[in-house]
Amino acid sequence: MDANLHTISNLFAQLGLPADPAAIEEFIDCHRPLANEIALYRAPFWTDAQRSFLKEEIIEDADWAGVIDELNSRLR
C-alpha cells in the first residue's frame, strides 16, 4: 500500500476508533500530555490489539510509522 494514503484519519480507523477530525481532536485532547518516558504503544489507553499494531509498525518502520509518529508528537 502506498504510504501516502496513511493519514491520521486512516490510522484511527485502523485502530477501530472514530476517525472524523472532531473525534481525533477529542481523543488527543483527552489523552494529552503523554509523558515523554512512556512509549506511545505502552500508553494505558490502548487495547492489546491496538498496542500490538502500534508497536509492530514502529519497530518495523513500516508504512504506518510516519503517521504513528505524527500521533505521538500530537500527544506530547
N, C-alpha and C. Protein backbone atom coordinates (compact mmCIF):
# COMPACT_ATOMS: atom_id res chain seq x y z
N MET A 1 0.85 -1.18 0.00
CA MET A 1 0.00 0.00 0.00
C MET A 1 0.88 1.23 0.00
N ASP A 2 0.47 2.24 -0.69
CA ASP A 2 1.21 3.49 -0.77
C ASP A 2 1.17 4.21 0.57
N ALA A 3 2.34 4.53 1.11
CA ALA A 3 2.42 5.19 2.42
C ALA A 3 1.71 6.54 2.42
N ASN A 4 1.59 7.17 1.25
CA ASN A 4 0.92 8.46 1.17
C ASN A 4 -0.56 8.36 1.51
N LEU A 5 -1.12 7.18 1.48
CA LEU A 5 -2.54 7.01 1.81
C LEU A 5 -2.78 6.94 3.30
N HIS A 6 -1.72 6.83 4.08
CA HIS A 6 -1.88 6.72 5.53
C HIS A 6 -1.97 8.11 6.15
N THR A 7 -3.17 8.45 6.54
CA THR A 7 -3.43 9.72 7.20
C THR A 7 -3.78 9.44 8.65
N ILE A 8 -3.86 10.48 9.43
CA ILE A 8 -4.26 10.31 10.83
C ILE A 8 -5.67 9.72 10.90
N SER A 9 -6.54 10.12 9.99
CA SER A 9 -7.90 9.55 9.95
C SER A 9 -7.85 8.06 9.63
N ASN A 10 -7.01 7.67 8.67
CA ASN A 10 -6.87 6.25 8.34
C ASN A 10 -6.31 5.47 9.52
N LEU A 11 -5.36 6.07 10.24
CA LEU A 11 -4.79 5.40 11.41
C LEU A 11 -5.85 5.15 12.46
N PHE A 12 -6.66 6.15 12.74
CA PHE A 12 -7.72 5.98 13.74
C PHE A 12 -8.71 4.91 13.30
N ALA A 13 -9.05 4.88 12.03
CA ALA A 13 -9.93 3.84 11.51
C ALA A 13 -9.28 2.47 11.67
N GLN A 14 -8.00 2.37 11.36
CA GLN A 14 -7.26 1.10 11.50
C GLN A 14 -7.26 0.64 12.96
N LEU A 15 -7.21 1.58 13.88
CA LEU A 15 -7.23 1.26 15.31
C LEU A 15 -8.63 1.01 15.84
N GLY A 16 -9.64 1.16 14.98
CA GLY A 16 -11.02 0.93 15.40
C GLY A 16 -11.60 2.07 16.20
N LEU A 17 -11.06 3.26 16.00
CA LEU A 17 -11.53 4.45 16.71
C LEU A 17 -12.28 5.37 15.75
N PRO A 18 -13.16 6.23 16.28
CA PRO A 18 -13.80 7.21 15.41
C PRO A 18 -12.73 8.02 14.69
N ALA A 19 -12.92 8.21 13.39
CA ALA A 19 -11.86 8.78 12.56
C ALA A 19 -12.18 10.15 11.98
N ASP A 20 -13.27 10.75 12.41
CA ASP A 20 -13.56 12.09 11.89
C ASP A 20 -12.69 13.11 12.64
N PRO A 21 -12.41 14.25 12.03
CA PRO A 21 -11.49 15.22 12.63
C PRO A 21 -11.86 15.63 14.06
N ALA A 22 -13.12 15.84 14.34
CA ALA A 22 -13.52 16.25 15.69
C ALA A 22 -13.23 15.15 16.71
N ALA A 23 -13.50 13.91 16.35
CA ALA A 23 -13.24 12.79 17.26
C ALA A 23 -11.75 12.60 17.50
N ILE A 24 -10.95 12.81 16.46
CA ILE A 24 -9.50 12.69 16.60
C ILE A 24 -8.99 13.77 17.55
N GLU A 25 -9.44 15.00 17.38
CA GLU A 25 -9.01 16.08 18.26
C GLU A 25 -9.45 15.82 19.69
N GLU A 26 -10.65 15.29 19.87
CA GLU A 26 -11.14 14.98 21.21
C GLU A 26 -10.28 13.90 21.86
N PHE A 27 -9.94 12.87 21.10
CA PHE A 27 -9.08 11.80 21.61
C PHE A 27 -7.74 12.37 22.06
N ILE A 28 -7.14 13.18 21.21
CA ILE A 28 -5.84 13.77 21.53
C ILE A 28 -5.95 14.67 22.75
N ASP A 29 -6.97 15.50 22.81
CA ASP A 29 -7.15 16.39 23.96
C ASP A 29 -7.35 15.60 25.25
N CYS A 30 -8.06 14.49 25.18
CA CYS A 30 -8.34 13.68 26.38
C CYS A 30 -7.11 12.92 26.87
N HIS A 31 -6.18 12.61 25.98
CA HIS A 31 -5.04 11.77 26.36
C HIS A 31 -3.71 12.50 26.40
N ARG A 32 -3.75 13.79 26.18
CA ARG A 32 -2.54 14.60 26.20
C ARG A 32 -2.41 15.24 27.56
N PRO A 33 -1.26 15.44 28.12
CA PRO A 33 0.04 15.06 27.57
C PRO A 33 0.42 13.64 28.00
N LEU A 34 1.02 12.93 27.08
CA LEU A 34 1.58 11.61 27.36
C LEU A 34 3.02 11.85 27.80
N ALA A 35 3.37 11.32 28.95
CA ALA A 35 4.72 11.54 29.49
C ALA A 35 5.78 11.07 28.50
N ASN A 36 6.85 11.82 28.40
CA ASN A 36 7.91 11.51 27.44
C ASN A 36 8.54 10.14 27.66
N GLU A 37 8.56 9.68 28.90
CA GLU A 37 9.19 8.38 29.18
C GLU A 37 8.30 7.18 28.82
N ILE A 38 7.08 7.43 28.40
CA ILE A 38 6.16 6.36 28.00
C ILE A 38 6.13 6.26 26.48
N ALA A 39 6.53 5.10 25.97
CA ALA A 39 6.43 4.86 24.53
C ALA A 39 4.96 4.89 24.13
N LEU A 40 4.66 5.42 22.98
CA LEU A 40 3.26 5.56 22.55
C LEU A 40 2.50 4.25 22.69
N TYR A 41 3.08 3.15 22.23
CA TYR A 41 2.35 1.88 22.27
C TYR A 41 2.14 1.36 23.69
N ARG A 42 2.85 1.90 24.67
CA ARG A 42 2.68 1.49 26.07
C ARG A 42 1.67 2.35 26.83
N ALA A 43 1.10 3.32 26.17
CA ALA A 43 0.12 4.19 26.83
C ALA A 43 -1.05 3.34 27.34
N PRO A 44 -1.58 3.70 28.49
CA PRO A 44 -2.61 2.87 29.12
C PRO A 44 -3.97 2.87 28.43
N PHE A 45 -4.18 3.75 27.47
CA PHE A 45 -5.50 3.85 26.85
C PHE A 45 -5.69 2.95 25.64
N TRP A 46 -4.67 2.19 25.23
CA TRP A 46 -4.81 1.29 24.08
C TRP A 46 -5.31 -0.08 24.51
N THR A 47 -6.02 -0.73 23.62
CA THR A 47 -6.36 -2.14 23.82
C THR A 47 -5.12 -2.97 23.47
N ASP A 48 -5.13 -4.24 23.81
CA ASP A 48 -4.00 -5.11 23.46
C ASP A 48 -3.77 -5.14 21.95
N ALA A 49 -4.83 -5.22 21.18
CA ALA A 49 -4.70 -5.27 19.72
C ALA A 49 -4.12 -3.96 19.18
N GLN A 50 -4.59 -2.83 19.68
CA GLN A 50 -4.08 -1.53 19.24
C GLN A 50 -2.59 -1.41 19.60
N ARG A 51 -2.27 -1.81 20.83
CA ARG A 51 -0.89 -1.75 21.30
C ARG A 51 0.03 -2.59 20.41
N SER A 52 -0.39 -3.79 20.08
CA SER A 52 0.41 -4.68 19.23
C SER A 52 0.63 -4.07 17.85
N PHE A 53 -0.43 -3.53 17.27
CA PHE A 53 -0.33 -2.91 15.96
C PHE A 53 0.67 -1.75 15.98
N LEU A 54 0.52 -0.85 16.93
CA LEU A 54 1.40 0.31 17.01
C LEU A 54 2.85 -0.10 17.21
N LYS A 55 3.07 -1.04 18.11
CA LYS A 55 4.44 -1.49 18.40
C LYS A 55 5.07 -2.12 17.16
N GLU A 56 4.35 -3.01 16.52
CA GLU A 56 4.87 -3.70 15.34
C GLU A 56 5.21 -2.71 14.22
N GLU A 57 4.32 -1.78 13.97
CA GLU A 57 4.54 -0.83 12.88
C GLU A 57 5.73 0.08 13.15
N ILE A 58 5.91 0.49 14.39
CA ILE A 58 7.04 1.35 14.73
C ILE A 58 8.35 0.57 14.68
N ILE A 59 8.37 -0.61 15.28
CA ILE A 59 9.60 -1.41 15.31
C ILE A 59 10.06 -1.76 13.91
N GLU A 60 9.13 -2.10 13.04
CA GLU A 60 9.47 -2.48 11.68
C GLU A 60 9.63 -1.29 10.74
N ASP A 61 9.43 -0.08 11.27
CA ASP A 61 9.46 1.14 10.46
C ASP A 61 8.62 0.94 9.20
N ALA A 62 7.43 0.39 9.42
CA ALA A 62 6.52 0.02 8.33
C ALA A 62 5.79 1.26 7.78
N ASP A 63 4.91 1.00 6.84
CA ASP A 63 4.19 2.08 6.16
C ASP A 63 3.47 3.05 7.11
N TRP A 64 2.98 2.53 8.21
CA TRP A 64 2.21 3.35 9.14
C TRP A 64 3.10 4.18 10.06
N ALA A 65 4.41 3.94 10.09
CA ALA A 65 5.30 4.58 11.07
C ALA A 65 5.23 6.10 11.04
N GLY A 66 5.17 6.70 9.87
CA GLY A 66 5.14 8.16 9.77
C GLY A 66 3.93 8.77 10.44
N VAL A 67 2.78 8.22 10.19
CA VAL A 67 1.56 8.78 10.78
C VAL A 67 1.47 8.42 12.28
N ILE A 68 2.04 7.30 12.68
CA ILE A 68 2.11 6.97 14.11
C ILE A 68 3.02 7.97 14.81
N ASP A 69 4.12 8.34 14.18
CA ASP A 69 4.99 9.38 14.74
C ASP A 69 4.25 10.71 14.87
N GLU A 70 3.42 11.01 13.89
CA GLU A 70 2.62 12.25 13.96
C GLU A 70 1.70 12.21 15.17
N LEU A 71 1.01 11.09 15.37
CA LEU A 71 0.13 10.95 16.53
C LEU A 71 0.93 11.08 17.82
N ASN A 72 2.07 10.43 17.87
CA ASN A 72 2.94 10.51 19.05
C ASN A 72 3.28 11.95 19.36
N SER A 73 3.67 12.71 18.36
CA SER A 73 4.01 14.13 18.56
C SER A 73 2.82 14.93 19.06
N ARG A 74 1.67 14.66 18.53
CA ARG A 74 0.48 15.41 18.92
C ARG A 74 0.01 15.08 20.32
N LEU A 75 0.40 13.92 20.83
CA LEU A 75 0.03 13.53 22.19
C LEU A 75 1.03 14.02 23.25
N ARG A 76 2.13 14.60 22.84
CA ARG A 76 3.17 15.05 23.80
C ARG A 76 2.94 16.45 24.28
